[in-house]
């Protein structure tokens, strides 16, 4: 009879894992706590105001992140608009001063001024 108890205990031991946060031994599905660690005691005894403080800081940082993302989107739009304006100016400068050529057989490549 003792062999069955040992086998059952060994089978149960295989289903235990160590929690990466509190280092307690728990069932793989998280349904049972088999051994409570000192780290778990420490986490349970932390100041009860810590979580609300962290949540408030998270809200502040989230608002700051949203504001920064909005500003970056506005700046991206401004950069795109300026790049487009610069391209248009460069194209206008390229077209200024060019002479049109006629393609007659007698005067291949002659400009209007030479006629």
C-alpha atoms as a PDB file:
ATOM      1  CA  UNK A   1       0.000   0.000   0.000  1.00  0.00           C
ATOM      2  CA  UNK A   2       2.742   2.566   0.723  1.00  0.00           C
ATOM      3  CA  UNK A   3       3.961   2.288  -2.877  1.00  0.00           C
ATOM      4  CA  UNK A   4       0.673   3.628  -4.186  1.00  0.00           C
ATOM      5  CA  UNK A   5       0.875   6.678  -1.909  1.00  0.00           C
ATOM      6  CA  UNK A   6       4.433   7.398  -3.052  1.00  0.00           C
ATOM      7  CA  UNK A   7       3.453   6.997  -6.697  1.00  0.00           C
ATOM      8  CA  UNK A   8       0.488   9.326  -6.209  1.00  0.00           C
ATOM      9  CA  UNK A   9       2.691  11.884  -4.477  1.00  0.00           C
ATOM     10  CA  UNK A  10       5.309  11.586  -7.228  1.00  0.00           C
ATOM     11  CA  UNK A  11       2.612  12.067  -9.863  1.00  0.00           C
ATOM     12  CA  UNK A  12       1.353  15.110  -8.016  1.00  0.00           C
ATOM     13  CA  UNK A  13       4.867  16.542  -7.696  1.00  0.00           C
ATOM     14  CA  UNK A  14       5.254  16.488 -11.478  1.00  0.00           C
ATOM     15  CA  UNK A  15       2.264  18.819 -11.866  1.00  0.00           C
ATOM     16  CA  UNK A  16       3.746  21.506  -9.623  1.00  0.00           C
ATOM     17  CA  UNK A  17       5.517  24.563 -10.969  1.00  0.00           C
ATOM     18  CA  UNK A  18       7.303  27.450  -9.314  1.00  0.00           C
ATOM     19  CA  UNK A  19       5.581  30.783  -9.885  1.00  0.00           C
ATOM     20  CA  UNK A  20       8.010  33.194 -11.577  1.00  0.00           C
ATOM     21  CA  UNK A  21       6.668  36.143  -9.544  1.00  0.00           C
ATOM     22  CA  UNK A  22       6.216  34.878  -6.003  1.00  0.00           C
ATOM     23  CA  UNK A  23       8.363  31.693  -6.161  1.00  0.00           C
ATOM     24  CA  UNK A  24       5.601  29.623  -4.529  1.00  0.00           C
ATOM     25  CA  UNK A  25       4.884  26.083  -5.660  1.00  0.00           C
ATOM     26  CA  UNK A  26       1.524  25.948  -7.422  1.00  0.00           C
ATOM     27  CA  UNK A  27      -0.421  23.549  -9.620  1.00  0.00           C
ATOM     28  CA  UNK A  28       0.200  23.945 -13.345  1.00  0.00           C
ATOM     29  CA  UNK A  29      -3.339  25.192 -13.871  1.00  0.00           C
ATOM     30  CA  UNK A  30      -3.011  27.683 -10.986  1.00  0.00           C
ATOM     31  CA  UNK A  31      -5.861  26.101  -9.048  1.00  0.00           C
ATOM     32  CA  UNK A  32      -3.918  25.193  -5.892  1.00  0.00           C
ATOM     33  CA  UNK A  33      -1.110  26.651  -3.822  1.00  0.00           C
ATOM     34  CA  UNK A  34       1.011  23.852  -2.403  1.00  0.00           C
ATOM     35  CA  UNK A  35       3.880  25.737  -0.766  1.00  0.00           C
ATOM     36  CA  UNK A  36       3.854  29.433   0.072  1.00  0.00           C
ATOM     37  CA  UNK A  37       7.216  31.149  -0.314  1.00  0.00           C
ATOM     38  CA  UNK A  38       8.689  33.949   1.780  1.00  0.00           C
ATOM     39  CA  UNK A  39       8.520  36.133  -1.328  1.00  0.00           C
ATOM     40  CA  UNK A  40       4.737  35.634  -1.398  1.00  0.00           C
ATOM     41  CA  UNK A  41       4.525  36.775   2.237  1.00  0.00           C
ATOM     42  CA  UNK A  42       6.554  39.859   1.361  1.00  0.00           C
ATOM     43  CA  UNK A  43       4.314  40.679  -1.609  1.00  0.00           C
ATOM     44  CA  UNK A  44       1.179  40.266   0.501  1.00  0.00           C
ATOM     45  CA  UNK A  45       2.545  42.583   3.212  1.00  0.00           C
ATOM     46  CA  UNK A  46       3.465  45.449   0.900  1.00  0.00           C
ATOM     47  CA  UNK A  47       1.922  48.820   1.545  1.00  0.00           C
ATOM     48  CA  UNK A  48      -1.737  48.682   0.473  1.00  0.00           C
ATOM     49  CA  UNK A  49      -1.338  52.126  -1.135  1.00  0.00           C
ATOM     50  CA  UNK A  50       1.307  50.925  -3.577  1.00  0.00           C
ATOM     51  CA  UNK A  51      -1.091  49.640  -6.227  1.00  0.00           C
ATOM     52  CA  UNK A  52      -3.206  52.843  -6.378  1.00  0.00           C
ATOM     53  CA  UNK A  53      -0.004  54.902  -6.617  1.00  0.00           C
ATOM     54  CA  UNK A  54       1.225  52.741  -9.480  1.00  0.00           C
ATOM     55  CA  UNK A  55      -2.134  53.002 -11.246  1.00  0.00           C
ATOM     56  CA  UNK A  56      -2.081  56.803 -10.953  1.00  0.00           C
ATOM     57  CA  UNK A  57       1.463  56.946 -12.333  1.00  0.00           C
ATOM     58  CA  UNK A  58       0.384  54.668 -15.194  1.00  0.00           C
ATOM     59  CA  UNK A  59      -2.492  57.041 -16.043  1.00  0.00           C
ATOM     60  CA  UNK A  60      -0.098  60.020 -16.057  1.00  0.00           C
ATOM     61  CA  UNK A  61       2.388  58.236 -18.298  1.00  0.00           C
ATOM     62  CA  UNK A  62      -0.392  57.045 -20.626  1.00  0.00           C
ATOM     63  CA  UNK A  63      -1.643  60.618 -21.034  1.00  0.00           C
ATOM     64  CA  UNK A  64       1.904  61.807 -21.690  1.00  0.00           C
ATOM     65  CA  UNK A  65       2.399  59.066 -24.285  1.00  0.00           C
ATOM     66  CA  UNK A  66      -0.848  59.957 -26.076  1.00  0.00           C
ATOM     67  CA  UNK A  67       0.127  63.644 -26.131  1.00  0.00           C
ATOM     68  CA  UNK A  68       3.568  62.821 -27.516  1.00  0.00           C
ATOM     69  CA  UNK A  69       2.121  60.539 -30.199  1.00  0.00           C
ATOM     70  CA  UNK A  70      -0.321  63.285 -31.244  1.00  0.00           C
ATOM     71  CA  UNK A  71       2.485  65.853 -31.483  1.00  0.00           C
ATOM     72  CA  UNK A  72       4.620  63.456 -33.524  1.00  0.00           C
ATOM     73  CA  UNK A  73       1.740  62.839 -35.923  1.00  0.00           C
ATOM     74  CA  UNK A  74       1.315  66.613 -36.372  1.00  0.00           C
ATOM     75  CA  UNK A  75       5.031  67.020 -36.991  1.00  0.00           C
ATOM     76  CA  UNK A  76       5.007  64.188 -39.529  1.00  0.00           C
ATOM     77  CA  UNK A  77       2.215  65.958 -41.411  1.00  0.00           C
ATOM     78  CA  UNK A  78       4.206  69.204 -41.359  1.00  0.00           C
ATOM     79  CA  UNK A  79       7.331  67.470 -42.653  1.00  0.00           C
ATOM     80  CA  UNK A  80       5.361  65.785 -45.443  1.00  0.00           C
ATOM     81  CA  UNK A  81       3.826  69.123 -46.444  1.00  0.00           C
ATOM     82  CA  UNK A  82       7.231  70.852 -46.466  1.00  0.00           C
ATOM     83  CA  UNK A  83       8.808  68.065 -48.522  1.00  0.00           C
ATOM     84  CA  UNK A  84       6.006  68.378 -51.076  1.00  0.00           C
ATOM     85  CA  UNK A  85       6.449  72.169 -51.240  1.00  0.00           C
ATOM     86  CA  UNK A  86      10.204  71.775 -51.700  1.00  0.00           C
ATOM     87  CA  UNK A  87       9.689  69.280 -54.527  1.00  0.00           C
ATOM     88  CA  UNK A  88       7.289  71.668 -56.249  1.00  0.00           C
ATOM     89  CA  UNK A  89       9.761  74.561 -55.942  1.00  0.00           C
ATOM     90  CA  UNK A  90      12.578  72.462 -57.391  1.00  0.00           C
ATOM     91  CA  UNK A  91      10.418  71.383 -60.329  1.00  0.00           C
ATOM     92  CA  UNK A  92       9.453  75.008 -61.012  1.00  0.00           C
ATOM     93  CA  UNK A  93      13.124  76.047 -60.997  1.00  0.00           C
ATOM     94  CA  UNK A  94      14.013  73.246 -63.416  1.00  0.00           C
ATOM     95  CA  UNK A  95      11.318  74.350 -65.866  1.00  0.00           C
ATOM     96  CA  UNK A  96      12.309  78.036 -65.809  1.00  0.00           C
ATOM     97  CA  UNK A  97      14.746  78.997 -68.567  1.00  0.00           C
ATOM     98  CA  UNK A  98      14.339  75.933 -70.759  1.00  0.00           C
ATOM     99  CA  UNK A  99      13.879  76.599 -74.429  1.00  0.00           C
ATOM    100  CA  UNK A 100      11.487  74.554 -76.491  1.00  0.00           C
ATOM    101  CA  UNK A 101      12.889  72.950 -79.620  1.00  0.00           C
ATOM    102  CA  UNK A 102      11.199  72.256 -82.912  1.00  0.00           C
ATOM    103  CA  UNK A 103      11.636  68.968 -84.602  1.00  0.00           C
ATOM    104  CA  UNK A 104      11.767  70.022 -88.318  1.00  0.00           C
ATOM    105  CA  UNK A 105      13.822  67.983 -90.713  1.00  0.00           C
ATOM    106  CA  UNK A 106      15.700  71.032 -91.987  1.00  0.00           C
ATOM    107  CA  UNK A 107      16.602  72.361 -88.594  1.00  0.00           C
ATOM    108  CA  UNK A 108      16.941  69.407 -86.296  1.00  0.00           C
ATOM    109  CA  UNK A 109      17.289  70.598 -82.732  1.00  0.00           C
ATOM    110  CA  UNK A 110      17.269  74.346 -83.549  1.00  0.00           C
ATOM    111  CA  UNK A 111      15.657  76.569 -80.968  1.00  0.00           C
ATOM    112  CA  UNK A 112      13.034  79.231 -81.628  1.00  0.00           C
ATOM    113  CA  UNK A 113      15.629  81.984 -81.197  1.00  0.00           C
ATOM    114  CA  UNK A 114      17.710  80.577 -84.035  1.00  0.00           C
ATOM    115  CA  UNK A 115      14.804  80.728 -86.530  1.00  0.00           C
END
